[in-house]
Amino acid sequence: VLHDPKRETFLIARDPIGVVPLYLG
């Protein structure tokens, strides 16, 4: 998760195959 306070936005990303887990809520 990358938080960009100056642009008031964020970027969330996960690797191509999903070796590393990630959940949203």
PDB file of all heavy atoms in Angstrom:
ATOM      1  N   VAL A   1       0.869  -1.177   0.000  1.00  0.00           N
ATOM      2  CA  VAL A   1       0.000   0.000   0.000  1.00  0.00           C
ATOM      3  C   VAL A   1       0.899   1.218   0.000  1.00  0.00           C
ATOM      4  O   VAL A   1       1.773   1.353   0.867  1.00  0.00           O
ATOM      5  CB  VAL A   1      -0.924   0.027   1.229  1.00  0.00           C
ATOM      6  CG1 VAL A   1      -1.747   1.314   1.250  1.00  0.00           C
ATOM      7  CG2 VAL A   1      -1.836  -1.189   1.234  1.00  0.00           C
ATOM      8  N   LEU A   2       0.697   2.091  -0.973  1.00  0.00           N
ATOM      9  CA  LEU A   2       1.439   3.345  -1.068  1.00  0.00           C
ATOM     10  C   LEU A   2       0.451   4.488  -0.884  1.00  0.00           C
ATOM     11  O   LEU A   2      -0.522   4.606  -1.627  1.00  0.00           O
ATOM     12  CB  LEU A   2       2.151   3.450  -2.422  1.00  0.00           C
ATOM     13  CG  LEU A   2       3.124   4.611  -2.614  1.00  0.00           C
ATOM     14  CD1 LEU A   2       4.211   4.235  -3.625  1.00  0.00           C
ATOM     15  CD2 LEU A   2       2.421   5.886  -3.079  1.00  0.00           C
ATOM     16  N   HIS A   3       0.701   5.305   0.104  1.00  0.00           N
ATOM     17  CA  HIS A   3      -0.163   6.453   0.436  1.00  0.00           C
ATOM     18  C   HIS A   3       0.520   7.723  -0.043  1.00  0.00           C
ATOM     19  O   HIS A   3       1.683   7.975   0.281  1.00  0.00           O
ATOM     20  CB  HIS A   3      -0.387   6.477   1.950  1.00  0.00           C
ATOM     21  CG  HIS A   3      -0.958   7.745   2.473  1.00  0.00           C
ATOM     22  ND1 HIS A   3      -2.096   8.339   1.960  1.00  0.00           N
ATOM     23  CD2 HIS A   3      -0.552   8.564   3.505  1.00  0.00           C
ATOM     24  CE1 HIS A   3      -2.366   9.441   2.633  1.00  0.00           C
ATOM     25  NE2 HIS A   3      -1.446   9.603   3.567  1.00  0.00           N
ATOM     26  N   ASP A   4      -0.190   8.511  -0.842  1.00  0.00           N
ATOM     27  CA  ASP A   4       0.351   9.755  -1.410  1.00  0.00           C
ATOM     28  C   ASP A   4      -0.473  10.921  -0.874  1.00  0.00           C
ATOM     29  O   ASP A   4      -1.483  11.317  -1.473  1.00  0.00           O
ATOM     30  CB  ASP A   4       0.276   9.694  -2.935  1.00  0.00           C
ATOM     31  CG  ASP A   4       0.960  10.876  -3.604  1.00  0.00           C
ATOM     32  OD1 ASP A   4       1.223  11.881  -2.917  1.00  0.00           O
ATOM     33  OD2 ASP A   4       1.210  10.799  -4.828  1.00  0.00           O
ATOM     34  N   PRO A   5      -0.065  11.515   0.263  1.00  0.00           N
ATOM     35  CA  PRO A   5      -0.888  12.559   0.880  1.00  0.00           C
ATOM     36  C   PRO A   5      -0.964  13.845   0.059  1.00  0.00           C
ATOM     37  O   PRO A   5      -1.987  14.543   0.097  1.00  0.00           O
ATOM     38  CB  PRO A   5      -0.206  12.806   2.230  1.00  0.00           C
ATOM     39  CG  PRO A   5       1.190  12.294   2.067  1.00  0.00           C
ATOM     40  CD  PRO A   5       1.114  11.184   1.078  1.00  0.00           C
ATOM     41  N   LYS A   6       0.077  14.161  -0.695  1.00  0.00           N
ATOM     42  CA  LYS A   6       0.046  15.400  -1.478  1.00  0.00           C
ATOM     43  C   LYS A   6      -0.979  15.320  -2.599  1.00  0.00           C
ATOM     44  O   LYS A   6      -1.675  16.296  -2.893  1.00  0.00           O
ATOM     45  CB  LYS A   6       1.439  15.699  -2.032  1.00  0.00           C
ATOM     46  CG  LYS A   6       2.438  16.136  -0.964  1.00  0.00           C
ATOM     47  CD  LYS A   6       3.763  16.546  -1.574  1.00  0.00           C
ATOM     48  CE  LYS A   6       4.728  17.028  -0.489  1.00  0.00           C
ATOM     49  NZ  LYS A   6       6.053  17.413  -1.059  1.00  0.00           N
ATOM     50  N   ARG A   7      -1.072  14.164  -3.238  1.00  0.00           N
ATOM     51  CA  ARG A   7      -2.049  13.989  -4.318  1.00  0.00           C
ATOM     52  C   ARG A   7      -3.383  13.450  -3.800  1.00  0.00           C
ATOM     53  O   ARG A   7      -4.321  13.267  -4.575  1.00  0.00           O
ATOM     54  CB  ARG A   7      -1.493  13.023  -5.374  1.00  0.00           C
ATOM     55  CG  ARG A   7      -0.198  13.508  -6.019  1.00  0.00           C
ATOM     56  CD  ARG A   7       0.310  12.474  -7.013  1.00  0.00           C
ATOM     57  NE  ARG A   7       1.663  12.772  -7.455  1.00  0.00           N
ATOM     58  CZ  ARG A   7       2.409  11.970  -8.227  1.00  0.00           C
ATOM     59  NH1 ARG A   7       1.901  10.813  -8.646  1.00  0.00           N
ATOM     60  NH2 ARG A   7       3.631  12.307  -8.572  1.00  0.00           N
ATOM     61  N   GLU A   8      -3.431  13.188  -2.511  1.00  0.00           N
ATOM     62  CA  GLU A   8      -4.636  12.659  -1.865  1.00  0.00           C
ATOM     63  C   GLU A   8      -5.129  11.404  -2.578  1.00  0.00           C
ATOM     64  O   GLU A   8      -6.304  11.269  -2.946  1.00  0.00           O
ATOM     65  CB  GLU A   8      -5.742  13.731  -1.815  1.00  0.00           C
ATOM     66  CG  GLU A   8      -5.366  14.929  -0.968  1.00  0.00           C
ATOM     67  CD  GLU A   8      -6.517  15.914  -0.804  1.00  0.00           C
ATOM     68  OE1 GLU A   8      -7.523  15.766  -1.523  1.00  0.00           O
ATOM     69  OE2 GLU A   8      -6.402  16.815   0.037  1.00  0.00           O
ATOM     70  N   THR A   9      -4.221  10.463  -2.755  1.00  0.00           N
ATOM     71  CA  THR A   9      -4.567   9.206  -3.399  1.00  0.00           C
ATOM     72  C   THR A   9      -3.746   8.070  -2.797  1.00  0.00           C
ATOM     73  O   THR A   9      -2.933   8.293  -1.882  1.00  0.00           O
ATOM     74  CB  THR A   9      -4.339   9.291  -4.926  1.00  0.00           C
ATOM     75  OG1 THR A   9      -4.910   8.138  -5.559  1.00  0.00           O
ATOM     76  CG2 THR A   9      -2.861   9.380  -5.270  1.00  0.00           C
ATOM     77  N   PHE A  10      -3.942   6.868  -3.283  1.00  0.00           N
ATOM     78  CA  PHE A  10      -3.175   5.716  -2.825  1.00  0.00           C
ATOM     79  C   PHE A  10      -3.056   4.721  -3.965  1.00  0.00           C
ATOM     80  O   PHE A  10      -3.797   4.783  -4.957  1.00  0.00           O
ATOM     81  CB  PHE A  10      -3.840   5.052  -1.604  1.00  0.00           C
ATOM     82  CG  PHE A  10      -5.249   4.577  -1.852  1.00  0.00           C
ATOM     83  CD1 PHE A  10      -5.490   3.357  -2.490  1.00  0.00           C
ATOM     84  CD2 PHE A  10      -6.339   5.328  -1.449  1.00  0.00           C
ATOM     85  CE1 PHE A  10      -6.783   2.906  -2.730  1.00  0.00           C
ATOM     86  CE2 PHE A  10      -7.641   4.895  -1.673  1.00  0.00           C
ATOM     87  CZ  PHE A  10      -7.866   3.681  -2.325  1.00  0.00           C
ATOM     88  N   LEU A  11      -2.115   3.790  -3.811  1.00  0.00           N
ATOM     89  CA  LEU A  11      -1.913   2.697  -4.762  1.00  0.00           C
ATOM     90  C   LEU A  11      -1.779   1.401  -3.967  1.00  0.00           C
ATOM     91  O   LEU A  11      -0.962   1.320  -3.042  1.00  0.00           O
ATOM     92  CB  LEU A  11      -0.658   2.936  -5.607  1.00  0.00           C
ATOM     93  CG  LEU A  11      -0.201   1.780  -6.509  1.00  0.00           C
ATOM     94  CD1 LEU A  11      -1.235   1.497  -7.587  1.00  0.00           C
ATOM     95  CD2 LEU A  11       1.160   2.080  -7.137  1.00  0.00           C
ATOM     96  N   ILE A  12      -2.580   0.415  -4.311  1.00  0.00           N
ATOM     97  CA  ILE A  12      -2.493  -0.918  -3.705  1.00  0.00           C
ATOM     98  C   ILE A  12      -2.209  -1.909  -4.828  1.00  0.00           C
ATOM     99  O   ILE A  12      -2.841  -1.837  -5.888  1.00  0.00           O
ATOM    100  CB  ILE A  12      -3.799  -1.309  -2.991  1.00  0.00           C
ATOM    101  CG1 ILE A  12      -4.233  -0.212  -2.007  1.00  0.00           C
ATOM    102  CG2 ILE A  12      -3.639  -2.638  -2.256  1.00  0.00           C
ATOM    103  CD1 ILE A  12      -5.580  -0.497  -1.345  1.00  0.00           C
ATOM    104  N   ALA A  13      -1.263  -2.823  -4.614  1.00  0.00           N
ATOM    105  CA  ALA A  13      -0.926  -3.790  -5.669  1.00  0.00           C
ATOM    106  C   ALA A  13      -0.470  -5.107  -5.055  1.00  0.00           C
ATOM    107  O   ALA A  13       0.007  -5.159  -3.915  1.00  0.00           O
ATOM    108  CB  ALA A  13       0.160  -3.232  -6.585  1.00  0.00           C
ATOM    109  N   ARG A  14      -0.611  -6.175  -5.862  1.00  0.00           N
ATOM    110  CA  ARG A  14      -0.212  -7.518  -5.443  1.00  0.00           C
ATOM    111  C   ARG A  14       0.567  -8.183  -6.572  1.00  0.00           C
ATOM    112  O   ARG A  14       0.334  -7.916  -7.751  1.00  0.00           O
ATOM    113  CB  ARG A  14      -1.449  -8.350  -5.093  1.00  0.00           C
ATOM    114  CG  ARG A  14      -1.136  -9.691  -4.438  1.00  0.00           C
ATOM    115  CD  ARG A  14      -2.400 -10.423  -4.074  1.00  0.00           C
ATOM    116  NE  ARG A  14      -2.119 -11.712  -3.436  1.00  0.00           N
ATOM    117  CZ  ARG A  14      -3.015 -12.650  -3.223  1.00  0.00           C
ATOM    118  NH1 ARG A  14      -4.294 -12.452  -3.579  1.00  0.00           N
ATOM    119  NH2 ARG A  14      -2.675 -13.798  -2.654  1.00  0.00           N
ATOM    120  N   ASP A  15       1.493  -9.065  -6.226  1.00  0.00           N
ATOM    121  CA  ASP A  15       2.378  -9.689  -7.214  1.00  0.00           C
ATOM    122  C   ASP A  15       1.606 -10.525  -8.234  1.00  0.00           C
ATOM    123  O   ASP A  15       0.448 -10.884  -8.016  1.00  0.00           O
ATOM    124  CB  ASP A  15       3.476 -10.511  -6.525  1.00  0.00           C
ATOM    125  CG  ASP A  15       2.948 -11.758  -5.822  1.00  0.00           C
ATOM    126  OD1 ASP A  15       2.519 -12.693  -6.527  1.00  0.00           O
ATOM    127  OD2 ASP A  15       2.983 -11.811  -4.584  1.00  0.00           O
ATOM    128  N   PRO A  16       2.240 -10.849  -9.373  1.00  0.00           N
ATOM    129  CA  PRO A  16       1.519 -11.473 -10.492  1.00  0.00           C
ATOM    130  C   PRO A  16       0.783 -12.764 -10.177  1.00  0.00           C
ATOM    131  O   PRO A  16      -0.334 -12.984 -10.659  1.00  0.00           O
ATOM    132  CB  PRO A  16       2.627 -11.708 -11.523  1.00  0.00           C
ATOM    133  CG  PRO A  16       3.611 -10.624 -11.265  1.00  0.00           C
ATOM    134  CD  PRO A  16       3.612 -10.472  -9.767  1.00  0.00           C
ATOM    135  N   ILE A  17       1.383 -13.656  -9.390  1.00  0.00           N
ATOM    136  CA  ILE A  17       0.786 -14.963  -9.113  1.00  0.00           C
ATOM    137  C   ILE A  17       0.036 -14.982  -7.790  1.00  0.00           C
ATOM    138  O   ILE A  17      -0.845 -15.812  -7.573  1.00  0.00           O
ATOM    139  CB  ILE A  17       1.869 -16.068  -9.146  1.00  0.00           C
ATOM    140  CG1 ILE A  17       2.577 -16.073 -10.502  1.00  0.00           C
ATOM    141  CG2 ILE A  17       1.284 -17.438  -8.859  1.00  0.00           C
ATOM    142  CD1 ILE A  17       1.667 -16.383 -11.679  1.00  0.00           C
ATOM    143  N   GLY A  18       0.358 -14.067  -6.908  1.00  0.00           N
ATOM    144  CA  GLY A  18      -0.283 -14.051  -5.597  1.00  0.00           C
ATOM    145  C   GLY A  18       0.453 -14.882  -4.569  1.00  0.00           C
ATOM    146  O   GLY A  18      -0.159 -15.515  -3.711  1.00  0.00           O
ATOM    147  N   VAL A  19       1.780 -14.879  -4.648  1.00  0.00           N
ATOM    148  CA  VAL A  19       2.586 -15.590  -3.652  1.00  0.00           C
ATOM    149  C   VAL A  19       2.377 -14.971  -2.273  1.00  0.00           C
ATOM    150  O   VAL A  19       2.308 -15.665  -1.258  1.00  0.00           O
ATOM    151  CB  VAL A  19       4.074 -15.550  -4.049  1.00  0.00           C
ATOM    152  CG1 VAL A  19       4.947 -16.191  -2.968  1.00  0.00           C
ATOM    153  CG2 VAL A  19       4.286 -16.255  -5.385  1.00  0.00           C
ATOM    154  N   VAL A  20       2.254 -13.649  -2.244  1.00  0.00           N
ATOM    155  CA  VAL A  20       2.048 -12.917  -0.994  1.00  0.00           C
ATOM    156  C   VAL A  20       0.557 -12.599  -0.840  1.00  0.00           C
ATOM    157  O   VAL A  20      -0.068 -12.103  -1.776  1.00  0.00           O
ATOM    158  CB  VAL A  20       2.874 -11.620  -0.992  1.00  0.00           C
ATOM    159  CG1 VAL A  20       2.580 -10.789   0.250  1.00  0.00           C
ATOM    160  CG2 VAL A  20       4.369 -11.946  -1.067  1.00  0.00           C
ATOM    161  N   PRO A  21      -0.034 -12.880   0.305  1.00  0.00           N
ATOM    162  CA  PRO A  21      -1.482 -12.650   0.481  1.00  0.00           C
ATOM    163  C   PRO A  21      -1.818 -11.186   0.711  1.00  0.00           C
ATOM    164  O   PRO A  21      -0.992 -10.409   1.195  1.00  0.00           O
ATOM    165  CB  PRO A  21      -1.812 -13.489   1.719  1.00  0.00           C
ATOM    166  CG  PRO A  21      -0.535 -13.513   2.511  1.00  0.00           C
ATOM    167  CD  PRO A  21       0.574 -13.513   1.491  1.00  0.00           C
ATOM    168  N   LEU A  22      -3.048 -10.821   0.378  1.00  0.00           N
ATOM    169  CA  LEU A  22      -3.537  -9.465   0.631  1.00  0.00           C
ATOM    170  C   LEU A  22      -5.063  -9.483   0.612  1.00  0.00           C
ATOM    171  O   LEU A  22      -5.673 -10.091  -0.269  1.00  0.00           O
ATOM    172  CB  LEU A  22      -3.019  -8.489  -0.425  1.00  0.00           C
ATOM    173  CG  LEU A  22      -3.361  -7.005  -0.185  1.00  0.00           C
ATOM    174  CD1 LEU A  22      -2.699  -6.504   1.105  1.00  0.00           C
ATOM    175  CD2 LEU A  22      -2.945  -6.149  -1.366  1.00  0.00           C
ATOM    176  N   TYR A  23      -5.657  -8.815   1.598  1.00  0.00           N
ATOM    177  CA  TYR A  23      -7.112  -8.739   1.722  1.00  0.00           C
ATOM    178  C   TYR A  23      -7.540  -7.290   1.887  1.00  0.00           C
ATOM    179  O   TYR A  23      -6.807  -6.470   2.457  1.00  0.00           O
ATOM    180  CB  TYR A  23      -7.594  -9.552   2.932  1.00  0.00           C
ATOM    181  CG  TYR A  23      -7.293 -11.025   2.839  1.00  0.00           C
ATOM    182  CD1 TYR A  23      -6.075 -11.535   3.261  1.00  0.00           C
ATOM    183  CD2 TYR A  23      -8.230 -11.913   2.313  1.00  0.00           C
ATOM    184  CE1 TYR A  23      -5.791 -12.891   3.159  1.00  0.00           C
ATOM    185  CE2 TYR A  23      -7.966 -13.266   2.224  1.00  0.00           C
ATOM    186  CZ  TYR A  23      -6.735 -13.749   2.648  1.00  0.00           C
ATOM    187  OH  TYR A  23      -6.451 -15.095   2.543  1.00  0.00           O
ATOM    188  N   LEU A  24      -8.726  -6.991   1.392  1.00  0.00           N
ATOM    189  CA  LEU A  24      -9.347  -5.693   1.598  1.00  0.00           C
ATOM    190  C   LEU A  24     -10.572  -5.852   2.490  1.00  0.00           C
ATOM    191  O   LEU A  24     -11.211  -6.907   2.509  1.00  0.00           O
ATOM    192  CB  LEU A  24      -9.790  -5.078   0.267  1.00  0.00           C
ATOM    193  CG  LEU A  24      -8.715  -4.791  -0.779  1.00  0.00           C
ATOM    194  CD1 LEU A  24      -9.342  -4.117  -1.999  1.00  0.00           C
ATOM    195  CD2 LEU A  24      -7.590  -3.936  -0.216  1.00  0.00           C
ATOM    196  N   GLY A  25     -10.890  -4.789   3.217  1.00  0.00           N
ATOM    197  CA  GLY A  25     -12.082  -4.782   4.043  1.00  0.00           C
ATOM    198  C   GLY A  25     -12.698  -3.393   4.085  1.00  0.00           C
ATOM    199  O   GLY A  25     -12.010  -2.389   3.848  1.00  0.00           O
TER     200      GLY A  25
END
